[in-house]
N, C-alpha and C. Protein backbone atom coordinates (compact mmCIF):
# COMPACT_ATOMS: atom_id res chain seq x y z
N THR A 1 -2.69 -14.29 1.11
CA THR A 1 -2.69 -15.13 2.30
C THR A 1 -3.86 -16.11 2.23
N THR A 2 -3.78 -17.13 3.02
CA THR A 2 -4.86 -18.11 3.06
C THR A 2 -5.92 -17.67 4.07
N ASN A 3 -7.11 -18.23 3.94
CA ASN A 3 -8.17 -17.92 4.90
C ASN A 3 -7.76 -18.29 6.31
N LYS A 4 -7.11 -19.43 6.46
CA LYS A 4 -6.69 -19.89 7.78
C LYS A 4 -5.71 -18.89 8.41
N LEU A 5 -4.78 -18.38 7.63
CA LEU A 5 -3.81 -17.41 8.12
C LEU A 5 -4.49 -16.09 8.48
N ARG A 6 -5.44 -15.66 7.67
CA ARG A 6 -6.16 -14.41 7.96
C ARG A 6 -6.94 -14.51 9.26
N VAL A 7 -7.62 -15.61 9.47
CA VAL A 7 -8.38 -15.79 10.71
C VAL A 7 -7.43 -15.82 11.90
N ALA A 8 -6.31 -16.52 11.76
CA ALA A 8 -5.32 -16.57 12.84
C ALA A 8 -4.80 -15.17 13.15
N TRP A 9 -4.53 -14.36 12.12
CA TRP A 9 -4.06 -13.00 12.34
C TRP A 9 -5.12 -12.16 13.04
N LEU A 10 -6.36 -12.30 12.60
CA LEU A 10 -7.44 -11.52 13.20
C LEU A 10 -7.63 -11.92 14.67
N GLU A 11 -7.55 -13.20 14.96
CA GLU A 11 -7.65 -13.64 16.36
C GLU A 11 -6.50 -13.09 17.18
N HIS A 12 -5.32 -13.01 16.60
CA HIS A 12 -4.16 -12.41 17.26
C HIS A 12 -4.44 -10.92 17.54
N PHE A 13 -4.97 -10.21 16.54
CA PHE A 13 -5.33 -8.80 16.70
C PHE A 13 -6.32 -8.62 17.84
N ILE A 14 -7.35 -9.45 17.87
CA ILE A 14 -8.37 -9.37 18.91
C ILE A 14 -7.74 -9.59 20.29
N LYS A 15 -6.91 -10.61 20.39
CA LYS A 15 -6.30 -10.94 21.68
C LYS A 15 -5.42 -9.80 22.20
N TYR A 16 -4.59 -9.23 21.34
CA TYR A 16 -3.62 -8.24 21.79
C TYR A 16 -4.12 -6.80 21.78
N THR A 17 -5.32 -6.55 21.26
CA THR A 17 -5.86 -5.20 21.33
C THR A 17 -7.01 -5.09 22.31
N SER A 18 -7.50 -6.21 22.81
CA SER A 18 -8.65 -6.19 23.73
C SER A 18 -8.38 -5.38 24.98
N SER A 19 -7.17 -5.45 25.50
CA SER A 19 -6.85 -4.72 26.74
C SER A 19 -6.59 -3.24 26.50
N ARG A 20 -6.54 -2.81 25.24
CA ARG A 20 -6.22 -1.42 24.91
C ARG A 20 -7.43 -0.63 24.42
N ILE A 21 -8.62 -1.21 24.54
CA ILE A 21 -9.83 -0.58 24.02
C ILE A 21 -10.23 0.59 24.93
N VAL A 22 -10.51 1.71 24.31
CA VAL A 22 -11.15 2.83 25.00
C VAL A 22 -12.53 2.91 24.40
N GLY A 23 -13.56 2.61 25.17
CA GLY A 23 -14.90 2.50 24.63
C GLY A 23 -15.16 1.03 24.28
N ALA A 24 -16.12 0.82 23.41
CA ALA A 24 -16.54 -0.55 23.13
C ALA A 24 -16.01 -1.10 21.81
N ARG A 25 -15.51 -0.26 20.93
CA ARG A 25 -15.21 -0.72 19.58
C ARG A 25 -13.80 -0.35 19.13
N ARG A 26 -13.33 -1.05 18.11
CA ARG A 26 -12.06 -0.78 17.45
C ARG A 26 -12.32 -0.64 15.96
N LEU A 27 -11.41 0.03 15.27
CA LEU A 27 -11.50 0.14 13.81
C LEU A 27 -10.32 -0.60 13.22
N LEU A 28 -10.62 -1.51 12.31
CA LEU A 28 -9.59 -2.26 11.61
C LEU A 28 -9.90 -2.15 10.13
N ILE A 29 -8.92 -1.73 9.35
CA ILE A 29 -9.10 -1.58 7.92
C ILE A 29 -8.54 -2.83 7.24
N LEU A 30 -9.41 -3.58 6.58
CA LEU A 30 -9.03 -4.80 5.89
C LEU A 30 -10.05 -5.12 4.81
N ASP A 31 -9.90 -6.29 4.19
CA ASP A 31 -10.77 -6.59 3.06
C ASP A 31 -11.75 -7.73 3.27
N SER A 32 -11.85 -8.30 4.48
CA SER A 32 -12.83 -9.36 4.69
C SER A 32 -12.96 -9.68 6.18
N TYR A 33 -13.65 -10.78 6.50
CA TYR A 33 -13.86 -11.29 7.84
C TYR A 33 -14.73 -10.40 8.70
N LYS A 34 -15.81 -9.92 8.09
CA LYS A 34 -16.73 -9.04 8.80
C LYS A 34 -17.41 -9.75 9.98
N LYS A 35 -17.77 -11.02 9.81
CA LYS A 35 -18.52 -11.72 10.86
C LYS A 35 -17.71 -11.82 12.15
N LEU A 36 -16.48 -12.27 12.06
CA LEU A 36 -15.64 -12.39 13.25
C LEU A 36 -15.38 -11.02 13.87
N CYS A 37 -15.20 -10.02 13.05
CA CYS A 37 -15.01 -8.66 13.57
C CYS A 37 -16.27 -8.18 14.29
N ARG A 38 -17.41 -8.41 13.68
CA ARG A 38 -18.68 -7.98 14.28
C ARG A 38 -18.87 -8.62 15.65
N GLU A 39 -18.54 -9.91 15.75
CA GLU A 39 -18.68 -10.61 17.02
C GLU A 39 -17.76 -10.04 18.10
N SER A 40 -16.67 -9.39 17.69
CA SER A 40 -15.71 -8.83 18.63
C SER A 40 -15.82 -7.31 18.75
N ASN A 41 -16.92 -6.73 18.25
CA ASN A 41 -17.14 -5.28 18.28
C ASN A 41 -16.01 -4.50 17.62
N ILE A 42 -15.56 -4.98 16.48
CA ILE A 42 -14.55 -4.28 15.69
C ILE A 42 -15.23 -3.79 14.42
N TYR A 43 -15.16 -2.50 14.17
CA TYR A 43 -15.69 -1.96 12.93
C TYR A 43 -14.64 -2.17 11.84
N THR A 44 -15.08 -2.58 10.68
CA THR A 44 -14.15 -2.77 9.57
C THR A 44 -14.45 -1.76 8.47
N LEU A 45 -13.41 -1.31 7.84
CA LEU A 45 -13.52 -0.48 6.65
C LEU A 45 -12.95 -1.30 5.52
N CYS A 46 -13.81 -1.83 4.69
CA CYS A 46 -13.37 -2.74 3.63
C CYS A 46 -12.99 -1.95 2.39
N MET A 47 -11.79 -2.21 1.92
CA MET A 47 -11.27 -1.53 0.74
C MET A 47 -11.03 -2.58 -0.34
N PRO A 48 -11.71 -2.46 -1.47
CA PRO A 48 -11.46 -3.41 -2.55
C PRO A 48 -10.01 -3.29 -3.04
N PRO A 49 -9.34 -4.41 -3.29
CA PRO A 49 -7.93 -4.36 -3.68
C PRO A 49 -7.69 -3.53 -4.94
N TYR A 50 -8.62 -3.53 -5.86
CA TYR A 50 -8.42 -2.78 -7.10
C TYR A 50 -8.56 -1.27 -6.91
N LEU A 51 -8.99 -0.84 -5.74
CA LEU A 51 -9.19 0.59 -5.48
C LEU A 51 -8.00 1.22 -4.76
N LEU A 52 -7.20 0.43 -4.09
CA LEU A 52 -6.13 0.97 -3.25
C LEU A 52 -5.13 1.82 -4.03
N HIS A 53 -4.75 1.40 -5.22
CA HIS A 53 -3.79 2.20 -5.98
C HIS A 53 -4.37 3.55 -6.39
N LEU A 54 -5.70 3.63 -6.52
CA LEU A 54 -6.33 4.90 -6.87
C LEU A 54 -6.31 5.87 -5.69
N LEU A 55 -6.30 5.34 -4.49
CA LEU A 55 -6.30 6.18 -3.29
C LEU A 55 -4.90 6.59 -2.86
N GLN A 56 -3.87 6.01 -3.45
CA GLN A 56 -2.49 6.30 -3.07
C GLN A 56 -2.16 7.81 -3.12
N PRO A 57 -2.62 8.57 -4.12
CA PRO A 57 -2.31 10.00 -4.12
C PRO A 57 -2.83 10.74 -2.88
N LEU A 58 -3.86 10.20 -2.24
CA LEU A 58 -4.36 10.83 -1.02
C LEU A 58 -3.31 10.82 0.09
N ASN A 59 -2.42 9.82 0.09
CA ASN A 59 -1.37 9.77 1.10
C ASN A 59 -0.49 11.01 1.05
N VAL A 60 -0.21 11.49 -0.14
CA VAL A 60 0.65 12.65 -0.29
C VAL A 60 -0.14 13.94 -0.15
N GLY A 61 -1.25 14.06 -0.85
CA GLY A 61 -1.99 15.31 -0.90
C GLY A 61 -2.82 15.62 0.32
N CYS A 62 -3.46 14.62 0.90
CA CYS A 62 -4.37 14.86 2.02
C CYS A 62 -3.83 14.35 3.35
N PHE A 63 -3.41 13.10 3.36
CA PHE A 63 -3.07 12.48 4.64
C PHE A 63 -1.69 12.86 5.15
N SER A 64 -0.79 13.25 4.28
CA SER A 64 0.54 13.64 4.74
C SER A 64 0.48 14.85 5.68
N PRO A 65 -0.23 15.93 5.32
CA PRO A 65 -0.36 17.05 6.27
C PRO A 65 -1.09 16.63 7.55
N LEU A 66 -2.08 15.77 7.41
CA LEU A 66 -2.80 15.29 8.58
C LEU A 66 -1.88 14.49 9.49
N LYS A 67 -1.06 13.62 8.90
CA LYS A 67 -0.11 12.82 9.69
C LYS A 67 0.90 13.71 10.40
N ARG A 68 1.37 14.75 9.74
CA ARG A 68 2.33 15.67 10.39
C ARG A 68 1.67 16.38 11.57
N ALA A 69 0.46 16.86 11.38
CA ALA A 69 -0.25 17.55 12.46
C ALA A 69 -0.54 16.60 13.62
N TYR A 70 -0.94 15.39 13.30
CA TYR A 70 -1.21 14.38 14.33
C TYR A 70 0.06 14.06 15.10
N ARG A 71 1.17 13.90 14.38
CA ARG A 71 2.46 13.60 15.01
C ARG A 71 2.85 14.72 15.99
N ARG A 72 2.64 15.97 15.58
CA ARG A 72 2.94 17.10 16.48
C ARG A 72 2.11 17.04 17.74
N GLN A 73 0.82 16.73 17.60
CA GLN A 73 -0.06 16.64 18.76
C GLN A 73 0.35 15.50 19.68
N ILE A 74 0.69 14.36 19.10
CA ILE A 74 1.12 13.22 19.89
C ILE A 74 2.39 13.54 20.66
N LYS A 75 3.35 14.17 20.00
CA LYS A 75 4.59 14.54 20.69
C LYS A 75 4.30 15.49 21.84
N SER A 76 3.38 16.41 21.65
CA SER A 76 3.01 17.33 22.71
C SER A 76 2.38 16.59 23.89
N LEU A 77 1.51 15.63 23.60
CA LEU A 77 0.90 14.84 24.66
C LEU A 77 1.94 14.02 25.41
N ILE A 78 2.88 13.45 24.68
CA ILE A 78 3.93 12.65 25.31
C ILE A 78 4.77 13.51 26.24
N ARG A 79 5.09 14.73 25.78
CA ARG A 79 5.86 15.64 26.65
C ARG A 79 5.09 15.97 27.92
N SER A 80 3.77 15.93 27.84
CA SER A 80 2.93 16.19 29.02
C SER A 80 2.62 14.92 29.80
N HIS A 81 3.33 13.83 29.45
CA HIS A 81 3.16 12.53 30.14
C HIS A 81 1.78 11.93 29.94
N ILE A 82 1.15 12.23 28.82
CA ILE A 82 -0.10 11.59 28.44
C ILE A 82 0.27 10.61 27.34
N ASN A 83 0.14 9.31 27.63
CA ASN A 83 0.61 8.34 26.65
C ASN A 83 -0.50 7.41 26.16
N HIS A 84 -1.74 7.84 26.27
CA HIS A 84 -2.85 7.02 25.78
C HIS A 84 -3.78 7.93 24.97
N VAL A 85 -3.98 7.58 23.72
CA VAL A 85 -4.83 8.40 22.85
C VAL A 85 -6.11 7.64 22.61
């Protein structure tokens, strides 16, 4: 993507997530634009593009069980009419 498109996307993210903040900060995982994020109290986790394929096995081995457990908890909260995490 171009820099202009990335900034436009980030501004869109800021606009549409500002009303959903619990606390002061948000976490966005991306590879750049730290300054604009910092100004909007968004923490970034920067992942170098050449590293992402190395982390892919974590999706199956580590994060898949975590995602299943999280999904179960979310469904339980929804059944209890709690819809904000």
